[in-house]
Amino acid sequence: MVVTGPEDLVPDQLTERLRVRGALPFGRVTAVHAGERRTTILSTIVPLRLEYSPNAPSEAPTRLLIKATRDGLDAGLRSVGEREVAFYGQAAPLMPGGPFPRCYDAEYSSGRFHLLLEDLSETHMVLTEWPLPPSVAACERIVDTWACFHAFWWRHPRLGREVGTFLDAAALAKIAADYRERYERFAVALGDRLWSGARAVYARMFDARERLYTPARLYAAYTLAHGDAHVWNLLYPRDGAGAGIRLIAWDGWRVGRGVSDLA
């Protein structure tokens, strides 16, 4: 069952969800304390603090995040949660210890989703406030993290088959048509403010895209691409070294090119 917030997660339900994921082999959750709700463009995020019975294992998670569909979300955006649930259900289990938060539960149904993730706020942080860039040293470490991630998924035998899909020519043409339609609306909105030289650049770009963005070129080499890999979609270790970078916000992942995550 998809939950909408912490009020849906009573101790017995959390006990069952954690037991299914192997995070609570014995003992039970006795209390759930919800923190302050934070609303993003696509979801709501609420920190949870859990209490357990005395016989629960000491390593049972005590700090979690519930990430769920935001009320009032436009119908055209509701499939975004489905993508993130698919990542944690299909891809993440194939990369144990990968550079992303541990997921204890993930469900999607009828345009709504929820994720139950480990809360890393005590050990990790968002590196800078947008739009301030991080230091060169931090950027190098971030690139190294992405390189290791992409190396693991490089031409992985399950990509495009059990995990994600390869787009055919028709699907790529549909995406191209959508980009053209967005551009046309953008150009109409700007009118004379979008000067002729800029329009010519856009025209060349669309022409080149149709010639170059083909299945053969796109999948000559492929990996699992995040799709929105800016520096605010990751959590950086607070001590700088004691824990690894964690990559978050997997709602736009796809089978694609690793270079797209570095562009």
C-alpha atoms as a PDB file:
ATOM      1  CA  MET A   1       0.000   0.000   0.000  1.00  0.00           C
ATOM      2  CA  VAL A   2       1.294   3.458  -0.927  1.00  0.00           C
ATOM      3  CA  VAL A   3       1.454   5.782   2.072  1.00  0.00           C
ATOM      4  CA  THR A   4       0.930   9.539   1.895  1.00  0.00           C
ATOM      5  CA  GLY A   5       2.818  10.567   5.009  1.00  0.00           C
ATOM      6  CA  PRO A   6       4.069   9.523   8.460  1.00  0.00           C
ATOM      7  CA  GLU A   7       0.527   9.308   9.818  1.00  0.00           C
ATOM      8  CA  ASP A   8       0.076   6.171   7.684  1.00  0.00           C
ATOM      9  CA  LEU A   9       3.111   4.447   9.180  1.00  0.00           C
ATOM     10  CA  VAL A  10       2.065   3.028  12.518  1.00  0.00           C
ATOM     11  CA  PRO A  11       4.647   0.906  14.389  1.00  0.00           C
ATOM     12  CA  ASP A  12       3.211  -2.450  13.288  1.00  0.00           C
ATOM     13  CA  GLN A  13       3.264  -1.423   9.608  1.00  0.00           C
ATOM     14  CA  LEU A  14       6.838  -0.186   9.838  1.00  0.00           C
ATOM     15  CA  THR A  15       7.857  -3.368  11.591  1.00  0.00           C
ATOM     16  CA  GLU A  16       6.478  -5.431   8.711  1.00  0.00           C
ATOM     17  CA  ARG A  17       8.071  -3.260   6.003  1.00  0.00           C
ATOM     18  CA  LEU A  18      11.487  -3.359   7.687  1.00  0.00           C
ATOM     19  CA  ARG A  19      11.213  -7.109   8.247  1.00  0.00           C
ATOM     20  CA  VAL A  20      10.497  -7.735   4.553  1.00  0.00           C
ATOM     21  CA  ARG A  21      13.662  -5.814   3.628  1.00  0.00           C
ATOM     22  CA  GLY A  22      15.758  -7.735   6.155  1.00  0.00           C
ATOM     23  CA  ALA A  23      16.426  -4.641   8.273  1.00  0.00           C
ATOM     24  CA  LEU A  24      14.536  -5.933  11.324  1.00  0.00           C
ATOM     25  CA  PRO A  25      14.843  -9.733  11.553  1.00  0.00           C
ATOM     26  CA  PHE A  26      13.526  -9.747  15.119  1.00  0.00           C
ATOM     27  CA  GLY A  27      12.043  -7.299  17.589  1.00  0.00           C
ATOM     28  CA  ARG A  28       9.567  -4.604  16.556  1.00  0.00           C
ATOM     29  CA  VAL A  29       9.052  -0.886  16.157  1.00  0.00           C
ATOM     30  CA  THR A  30       7.360   0.544  19.246  1.00  0.00           C
ATOM     31  CA  ALA A  31       7.111   4.263  18.383  1.00  0.00           C
ATOM     32  CA  VAL A  32       7.410   6.543  15.357  1.00  0.00           C
ATOM     33  CA  HIS A  33       8.197  10.251  15.804  1.00  0.00           C
ATOM     34  CA  ALA A  34       7.752  12.499  12.770  1.00  0.00           C
ATOM     35  CA  GLY A  35       9.837  15.629  12.210  1.00  0.00           C
ATOM     36  CA  GLU A  36       9.130  18.737  10.187  1.00  0.00           C
ATOM     37  CA  ARG A  37       7.564  18.188   6.767  1.00  0.00           C
ATOM     38  CA  ARG A  38       9.457  19.658   3.797  1.00  0.00           C
ATOM     39  CA  THR A  39       7.749  20.184   0.445  1.00  0.00           C
ATOM     40  CA  THR A  40       9.638  20.064  -2.859  1.00  0.00           C
ATOM     41  CA  ILE A  41       8.454  20.509  -6.439  1.00  0.00           C
ATOM     42  CA  LEU A  42       7.482  16.842  -6.756  1.00  0.00           C
ATOM     43  CA  SER A  43       7.238  15.387  -3.270  1.00  0.00           C
ATOM     44  CA  THR A  44       7.007  15.824   0.463  1.00  0.00           C
ATOM     45  CA  ILE A  45       9.818  14.624   2.719  1.00  0.00           C
ATOM     46  CA  VAL A  46       9.426  13.949   6.433  1.00  0.00           C
ATOM     47  CA  PRO A  47      12.167  12.700   8.787  1.00  0.00           C
ATOM     48  CA  LEU A  48      11.212   9.849  11.110  1.00  0.00           C
ATOM     49  CA  ARG A  49      12.797   8.743  14.378  1.00  0.00           C
ATOM     50  CA  LEU A  50      12.068   5.153  15.377  1.00  0.00           C
ATOM     51  CA  GLU A  51      12.065   3.400  18.742  1.00  0.00           C
ATOM     52  CA  TYR A  52      12.324  -0.384  19.081  1.00  0.00           C
ATOM     53  CA  SER A  53      11.581  -3.139  21.542  1.00  0.00           C
ATOM     54  CA  PRO A  54      14.537  -4.197  23.742  1.00  0.00           C
ATOM     55  CA  ASN A  55      15.112  -7.372  21.714  1.00  0.00           C
ATOM     56  CA  ALA A  56      15.570  -5.526  18.390  1.00  0.00           C
ATOM     57  CA  PRO A  57      19.067  -5.628  16.833  1.00  0.00           C
ATOM     58  CA  SER A  58      21.293  -2.655  17.627  1.00  0.00           C
ATOM     59  CA  GLU A  59      21.900  -1.986  13.924  1.00  0.00           C
ATOM     60  CA  ALA A  60      18.194  -1.445  13.156  1.00  0.00           C
ATOM     61  CA  PRO A  61      17.759   1.990  11.526  1.00  0.00           C
ATOM     62  CA  THR A  62      16.603   4.690  13.942  1.00  0.00           C
ATOM     63  CA  ARG A  63      16.481   7.637  11.506  1.00  0.00           C
ATOM     64  CA  LEU A  64      14.550   7.399   8.246  1.00  0.00           C
ATOM     65  CA  LEU A  65      12.969   9.671   5.648  1.00  0.00           C
ATOM     66  CA  ILE A  66       9.555   9.145   4.116  1.00  0.00           C
ATOM     67  CA  LYS A  67       9.433  10.657   0.628  1.00  0.00           C
ATOM     68  CA  ALA A  68       5.950  10.685  -0.904  1.00  0.00           C
ATOM     69  CA  THR A  69       3.869  12.281  -3.650  1.00  0.00           C
ATOM     70  CA  ARG A  70       3.089  15.943  -3.023  1.00  0.00           C
ATOM     71  CA  ASP A  71      -0.586  16.848  -2.834  1.00  0.00           C
ATOM     72  CA  GLY A  72      -1.824  18.826  -5.822  1.00  0.00           C
ATOM     73  CA  LEU A  73       0.881  17.537  -8.146  1.00  0.00           C
ATOM     74  CA  ASP A  74       0.082  18.003 -11.839  1.00  0.00           C
ATOM     75  CA  ALA A  75      -1.082  14.745 -13.426  1.00  0.00           C
ATOM     76  CA  GLY A  76       1.642  14.967 -16.055  1.00  0.00           C
ATOM     77  CA  LEU A  77       4.329  14.757 -13.365  1.00  0.00           C
ATOM     78  CA  ARG A  78       3.001  11.825 -11.382  1.00  0.00           C
ATOM     79  CA  SER A  79       5.005   9.226 -13.300  1.00  0.00           C
ATOM     80  CA  VAL A  80       8.208  10.777 -11.905  1.00  0.00           C
ATOM     81  CA  GLY A  81       7.760   8.888  -8.644  1.00  0.00           C
ATOM     82  CA  GLU A  82       7.359   5.649 -10.570  1.00  0.00           C
ATOM     83  CA  ARG A  83      10.851   6.117 -12.040  1.00  0.00           C
ATOM     84  CA  GLU A  84      12.460   6.535  -8.612  1.00  0.00           C
ATOM     85  CA  VAL A  85      10.610   3.548  -7.187  1.00  0.00           C
ATOM     86  CA  ALA A  86      11.838   1.518 -10.178  1.00  0.00           C
ATOM     87  CA  PHE A  87      15.425   2.594  -9.539  1.00  0.00           C
ATOM     88  CA  TYR A  88      15.375   1.426  -5.929  1.00  0.00           C
ATOM     89  CA  GLY A  89      13.455  -1.727  -6.802  1.00  0.00           C
ATOM     90  CA  GLN A  90      15.350  -2.810  -9.939  1.00  0.00           C
ATOM     91  CA  ALA A  91      18.750  -1.139 -10.160  1.00  0.00           C
ATOM     92  CA  ALA A  92      19.901  -0.467  -6.598  1.00  0.00           C
ATOM     93  CA  PRO A  93      19.738  -4.136  -5.460  1.00  0.00           C
ATOM     94  CA  LEU A  94      22.181  -5.050  -8.247  1.00  0.00           C
ATOM     95  CA  MET A  95      24.778  -2.648  -6.804  1.00  0.00           C
ATOM     96  CA  PRO A  96      25.110  -3.475  -3.088  1.00  0.00           C
ATOM     97  CA  GLY A  97      26.861  -0.707  -1.218  1.00  0.00           C
ATOM     98  CA  GLY A  98      26.365   1.675  -4.128  1.00  0.00           C
ATOM     99  CA  PRO A  99      26.673   5.460  -3.663  1.00  0.00           C
ATOM    100  CA  PHE A 100      23.033   6.126  -2.839  1.00  0.00           C
ATOM    101  CA  PRO A 101      20.900   6.012   0.321  1.00  0.00           C
ATOM    102  CA  ARG A 102      19.638   2.659   1.471  1.00  0.00           C
ATOM    103  CA  CYS A 103      15.970   2.139   0.651  1.00  0.00           C
ATOM    104  CA  TYR A 104      13.801   0.188   3.086  1.00  0.00           C
ATOM    105  CA  ASP A 105      10.532   0.333   1.155  1.00  0.00           C
ATOM    106  CA  ALA A 106       9.366   1.619  -2.242  1.00  0.00           C
ATOM    107  CA  GLU A 107       5.915   1.519  -3.800  1.00  0.00           C
ATOM    108  CA  TYR A 108       4.048   3.167  -6.673  1.00  0.00           C
ATOM    109  CA  SER A 109       0.376   2.869  -7.576  1.00  0.00           C
ATOM    110  CA  SER A 110      -2.186   4.986  -9.438  1.00  0.00           C
ATOM    111  CA  GLY A 111       0.003   8.047  -9.742  1.00  0.00           C
ATOM    112  CA  ARG A 112       1.246   8.057  -6.140  1.00  0.00           C
ATOM    113  CA  PHE A 113       4.497   6.768  -4.637  1.00  0.00           C
ATOM    114  CA  HIS A 114       6.481   6.567  -1.451  1.00  0.00           C
ATOM    115  CA  LEU A 115      10.057   5.751  -0.539  1.00  0.00           C
ATOM    116  CA  LEU A 116      11.379   4.890   2.898  1.00  0.00           C
ATOM    117  CA  LEU A 117      15.041   5.938   2.859  1.00  0.00           C
ATOM    118  CA  GLU A 118      17.825   6.137   5.397  1.00  0.00           C
ATOM    119  CA  ASP A 119      18.208   9.624   6.851  1.00  0.00           C
ATOM    120  CA  LEU A 120      21.810  10.742   6.251  1.00  0.00           C
ATOM    121  CA  SER A 121      21.455  14.255   7.686  1.00  0.00           C
ATOM    122  CA  GLU A 122      23.809  13.542  10.611  1.00  0.00           C
ATOM    123  CA  THR A 123      26.659  12.380   8.374  1.00  0.00           C
ATOM    124  CA  HIS A 124      26.025  14.148   5.061  1.00  0.00           C
ATOM    125  CA  MET A 125      24.977  17.554   3.751  1.00  0.00           C
ATOM    126  CA  VAL A 126      24.075  19.440   0.593  1.00  0.00           C
ATOM    127  CA  LEU A 127      27.456  20.840  -0.358  1.00  0.00           C
ATOM    128  CA  THR A 128      26.575  24.455  -1.189  1.00  0.00           C
ATOM    129  CA  GLU A 129      23.566  26.669  -1.596  1.00  0.00           C
ATOM    130  CA  TRP A 130      22.380  27.028  -5.180  1.00  0.00           C
ATOM    131  CA  PRO A 131      23.887  28.476  -7.353  1.00  0.00           C
ATOM    132  CA  LEU A 132      27.256  28.601  -5.568  1.00  0.00           C
ATOM    133  CA  PRO A 133      29.655  25.976  -6.994  1.00  0.00           C
ATOM    134  CA  PRO A 134      31.672  23.651  -4.740  1.00  0.00           C
ATOM    135  CA  SER A 135      35.450  23.736  -4.524  1.00  0.00           C
ATOM    136  CA  VAL A 136      37.618  22.185  -7.215  1.00  0.00           C
ATOM    137  CA  ALA A 137      38.645  19.408  -4.803  1.00  0.00           C
ATOM    138  CA  ALA A 138      35.006  18.583  -4.064  1.00  0.00           C
ATOM    139  CA  CYS A 139      34.172  18.602  -7.783  1.00  0.00           C
ATOM    140  CA  GLU A 140      37.003  16.170  -8.471  1.00  0.00           C
ATOM    141  CA  ARG A 141      35.705  13.830  -5.799  1.00  0.00           C
ATOM    142  CA  ILE A 142      32.187  14.091  -7.210  1.00  0.00           C
ATOM    143  CA  VAL A 143      33.455  13.217 -10.703  1.00  0.00           C
ATOM    144  CA  ASP A 144      35.331  10.240  -9.246  1.00  0.00           C
ATOM    145  CA  THR A 145      32.092   9.036  -7.616  1.00  0.00           C
ATOM    146  CA  TRP A 146      30.226   9.273 -10.907  1.00  0.00           C
ATOM    147  CA  ALA A 147      33.085   7.514 -12.713  1.00  0.00           C
ATOM    148  CA  CYS A 148      32.898   4.558 -10.315  1.00  0.00           C
ATOM    149  CA  PHE A 149      29.125   4.418 -10.616  1.00  0.00           C
ATOM    150  CA  HIS A 150      29.190   4.491 -14.421  1.00  0.00           C
ATOM    151  CA  ALA A 151      31.997   1.943 -14.546  1.00  0.00           C
ATOM    152  CA  PHE A 152      29.866  -0.532 -12.610  1.00  0.00           C
ATOM    153  CA  TRP A 153      26.936  -0.067 -15.003  1.00  0.00           C
ATOM    154  CA  TRP A 154      29.025   0.175 -18.200  1.00  0.00           C
ATOM    155  CA  ARG A 155      27.286  -2.114 -20.726  1.00  0.00           C
ATOM    156  CA  HIS A 156      25.787  -4.031 -17.806  1.00  0.00           C
ATOM    157  CA  PRO A 157      24.048  -7.149 -19.169  1.00  0.00           C
ATOM    158  CA  ARG A 158      20.752  -6.315 -17.442  1.00  0.00           C
ATOM    159  CA  LEU A 159      20.529  -2.741 -18.685  1.00  0.00           C
ATOM    160  CA  GLY A 160      17.908  -2.288 -21.362  1.00  0.00           C
ATOM    161  CA  ARG A 161      16.509  -5.739 -20.639  1.00  0.00           C
ATOM    162  CA  GLU A 162      15.573  -6.137 -16.976  1.00  0.00           C
ATOM    163  CA  VAL A 163      16.593  -2.637 -15.880  1.00  0.00           C
ATOM    164  CA  GLY A 164      15.447   0.267 -18.021  1.00  0.00           C
ATOM    165  CA  THR A 165      14.825   0.180 -21.760  1.00  0.00           C
ATOM    166  CA  PHE A 166      16.618   0.962 -24.987  1.00  0.00           C
ATOM    167  CA  LEU A 167      14.762   3.614 -26.962  1.00  0.00           C
ATOM    168  CA  ASP A 168      14.065   2.830 -30.603  1.00  0.00           C
ATOM    169  CA  ALA A 169      13.979   5.332 -33.471  1.00  0.00           C
ATOM    170  CA  ALA A 170      10.269   6.025 -32.986  1.00  0.00           C
ATOM    171  CA  ALA A 171      10.706   6.810 -29.289  1.00  0.00           C
ATOM    172  CA  LEU A 172      13.652   9.117 -30.007  1.00  0.00           C
ATOM    173  CA  ALA A 173      11.639  10.879 -32.714  1.00  0.00           C
ATOM    174  CA  LYS A 174       8.818  11.458 -30.225  1.00  0.00           C
ATOM    175  CA  ILE A 175      11.268  12.999 -27.748  1.00  0.00           C
ATOM    176  CA  ALA A 176      12.708  15.201 -30.495  1.00  0.00           C
ATOM    177  CA  ALA A 177       9.219  16.375 -31.472  1.00  0.00           C
ATOM    178  CA  ASP A 178       8.489  17.228 -27.850  1.00  0.00           C
ATOM    179  CA  TYR A 179      11.694  19.293 -27.626  1.00  0.00           C
ATOM    180  CA  ARG A 180      10.746  21.129 -30.840  1.00  0.00           C
ATOM    181  CA  GLU A 181       7.282  21.891 -29.502  1.00  0.00           C
ATOM    182  CA  ARG A 182       8.750  23.260 -26.270  1.00  0.00           C
ATOM    183  CA  TYR A 183      11.176  25.408 -28.229  1.00  0.00           C
ATOM    184  CA  GLU A 184       8.423  26.772 -30.426  1.00  0.00           C
ATOM    185  CA  ARG A 185       6.396  27.828 -27.392  1.00  0.00           C
ATOM    186  CA  PHE A 186       9.538  29.390 -25.920  1.00  0.00           C
ATOM    187  CA  ALA A 187      10.260  31.265 -29.165  1.00  0.00           C
ATOM    188  CA  VAL A 188       6.698  32.542 -29.437  1.00  0.00           C
ATOM    189  CA  ALA A 189       6.779  33.741 -25.833  1.00  0.00           C
ATOM    190  CA  LEU A 190      10.022  35.690 -26.419  1.00  0.00           C
ATOM    191  CA  GLY A 191       9.056  37.083 -29.803  1.00  0.00           C
ATOM    192  CA  ASP A 192      11.510  39.712 -31.046  1.00  0.00           C
ATOM    193  CA  ARG A 193      13.642  39.257 -27.921  1.00  0.00           C
ATOM    194  CA  LEU A 194      14.923  35.978 -29.387  1.00  0.00           C
ATOM    195  CA  TRP A 195      17.074  37.454 -32.135  1.00  0.00           C
ATOM    196  CA  SER A 196      17.710  35.843 -35.503  1.00  0.00           C
ATOM    197  CA  GLY A 197      21.222  34.653 -34.651  1.00  0.00           C
ATOM    198  CA  ALA A 198      19.914  32.706 -31.639  1.00  0.00           C
ATOM    199  CA  ARG A 199      17.115  31.208 -33.710  1.00  0.00           C
ATOM    200  CA  ALA A 200      19.691  30.030 -36.255  1.00  0.00           C
ATOM    201  CA  VAL A 201      21.672  28.296 -33.483  1.00  0.00           C
ATOM    202  CA  TYR A 202      18.547  26.472 -32.323  1.00  0.00           C
ATOM    203  CA  ALA A 203      17.765  25.438 -35.909  1.00  0.00           C
ATOM    204  CA  ARG A 204      21.254  23.953 -36.371  1.00  0.00           C
ATOM    205  CA  MET A 205      20.979  22.173 -33.043  1.00  0.00           C
ATOM    206  CA  PHE A 206      17.675  20.521 -33.948  1.00  0.00           C
ATOM    207  CA  ASP A 207      19.023  19.504 -37.350  1.00  0.00           C
ATOM    208  CA  ALA A 208      22.144  17.973 -35.820  1.00  0.00           C
ATOM    209  CA  ARG A 209      20.144  16.214 -33.124  1.00  0.00           C
ATOM    210  CA  GLU A 210      17.993  14.392 -35.657  1.00  0.00           C
ATOM    211  CA  ARG A 211      21.081  13.192 -37.507  1.00  0.00           C
ATOM    212  CA  LEU A 212      23.196  12.272 -34.492  1.00  0.00           C
ATOM    213  CA  TYR A 213      20.760  11.194 -31.792  1.00  0.00           C
ATOM    214  CA  THR A 214      20.023   7.708 -33.149  1.00  0.00           C
ATOM    215  CA  PRO A 215      19.850   4.326 -31.368  1.00  0.00           C
ATOM    216  CA  ALA A 216      23.126   3.207 -32.981  1.00  0.00           C
ATOM    217  CA  ARG A 217      25.011   6.258 -31.736  1.00  0.00           C
ATOM    218  CA  LEU A 218      23.246   6.507 -28.394  1.00  0.00           C
ATOM    219  CA  TYR A 219      23.895   2.888 -27.423  1.00  0.00           C
ATOM    220  CA  ALA A 220      27.315   2.308 -28.974  1.00  0.00           C
ATOM    221  CA  ALA A 221      28.420   2.587 -25.346  1.00  0.00           C
ATOM    222  CA  TYR A 222      25.921   2.945 -22.531  1.00  0.00           C
ATOM    223  CA  THR A 223      25.553   2.960 -18.786  1.00  0.00           C
ATOM    224  CA  LEU A 224      22.916   3.908 -16.218  1.00  0.00           C
ATOM    225  CA  ALA A 225      22.539   7.685 -16.453  1.00  0.00           C
ATOM    226  CA  HIS A 226      21.050   9.730 -13.623  1.00  0.00           C
ATOM    227  CA  GLY A 227      19.550  12.361 -15.900  1.00  0.00           C
ATOM    228  CA  ASP A 228      19.819  15.336 -13.504  1.00  0.00           C
ATOM    229  CA  ALA A 229      23.271  14.982 -11.963  1.00  0.00           C
ATOM    230  CA  HIS A 230      23.940  18.485 -10.681  1.00  0.00           C
ATOM    231  CA  VAL A 231      25.829  18.988  -7.406  1.00  0.00           C
ATOM    232  CA  TRP A 232      22.618  19.624  -5.419  1.00  0.00           C
ATOM    233  CA  ASN A 233      21.364  16.142  -6.222  1.00  0.00           C
ATOM    234  CA  LEU A 234      23.952  14.520  -4.025  1.00  0.00           C
ATOM    235  CA  LEU A 235      24.877  14.443  -0.351  1.00  0.00           C
ATOM    236  CA  TYR A 236      28.473  15.174   0.609  1.00  0.00           C
ATOM    237  CA  PRO A 237      30.075  13.696   3.772  1.00  0.00           C
ATOM    238  CA  ARG A 238      30.260  16.257   6.558  1.00  0.00           C
ATOM    239  CA  ASP A 239      33.745  15.179   7.623  1.00  0.00           C
ATOM    240  CA  GLY A 240      34.957  15.226   4.024  1.00  0.00           C
ATOM    241  CA  ALA A 241      36.362  11.705   4.116  1.00  0.00           C
ATOM    242  CA  GLY A 242      34.744   9.354   6.620  1.00  0.00           C
ATOM    243  CA  ALA A 243      31.825   8.373   4.405  1.00  0.00           C
ATOM    244  CA  GLY A 244      31.263   8.367   0.709  1.00  0.00           C
ATOM    245  CA  ILE A 245      29.203  10.719  -1.437  1.00  0.00           C
ATOM    246  CA  ARG A 246      25.583   9.637  -1.816  1.00  0.00           C
ATOM    247  CA  LEU A 247      23.728  10.277  -5.079  1.00  0.00           C
ATOM    248  CA  ILE A 248      20.036  11.119  -4.675  1.00  0.00           C
ATOM    249  CA  ALA A 249      16.885  12.076  -6.631  1.00  0.00           C
ATOM    250  CA  TRP A 250      16.673   9.108  -9.035  1.00  0.00           C
ATOM    251  CA  ASP A 251      13.449  10.157 -10.731  1.00  0.00           C
ATOM    252  CA  GLY A 252      15.015  10.793 -14.158  1.00  0.00           C
ATOM    253  CA  TRP A 253      17.374   7.828 -14.616  1.00  0.00           C
ATOM    254  CA  ARG A 254      17.625   5.977 -17.900  1.00  0.00           C
ATOM    255  CA  VAL A 255      19.885   3.788 -20.013  1.00  0.00           C
ATOM    256  CA  GLY A 256      22.158   6.335 -21.662  1.00  0.00           C
ATOM    257  CA  ARG A 257      25.579   7.901 -21.820  1.00  0.00           C
ATOM    258  CA  GLY A 258      27.662   8.612 -18.737  1.00  0.00           C
ATOM    259  CA  VAL A 259      28.954  11.849 -20.229  1.00  0.00           C
ATOM    260  CA  SER A 260      25.424  13.283 -19.970  1.00  0.00           C
ATOM    261  CA  ASP A 261      25.762  13.239 -16.179  1.00  0.00           C
ATOM    262  CA  LEU A 262      28.951  15.299 -16.376  1.00  0.00           C
ATOM    263  CA  ALA A 263      27.802  17.820 -18.986  1.00  0.00           C
END
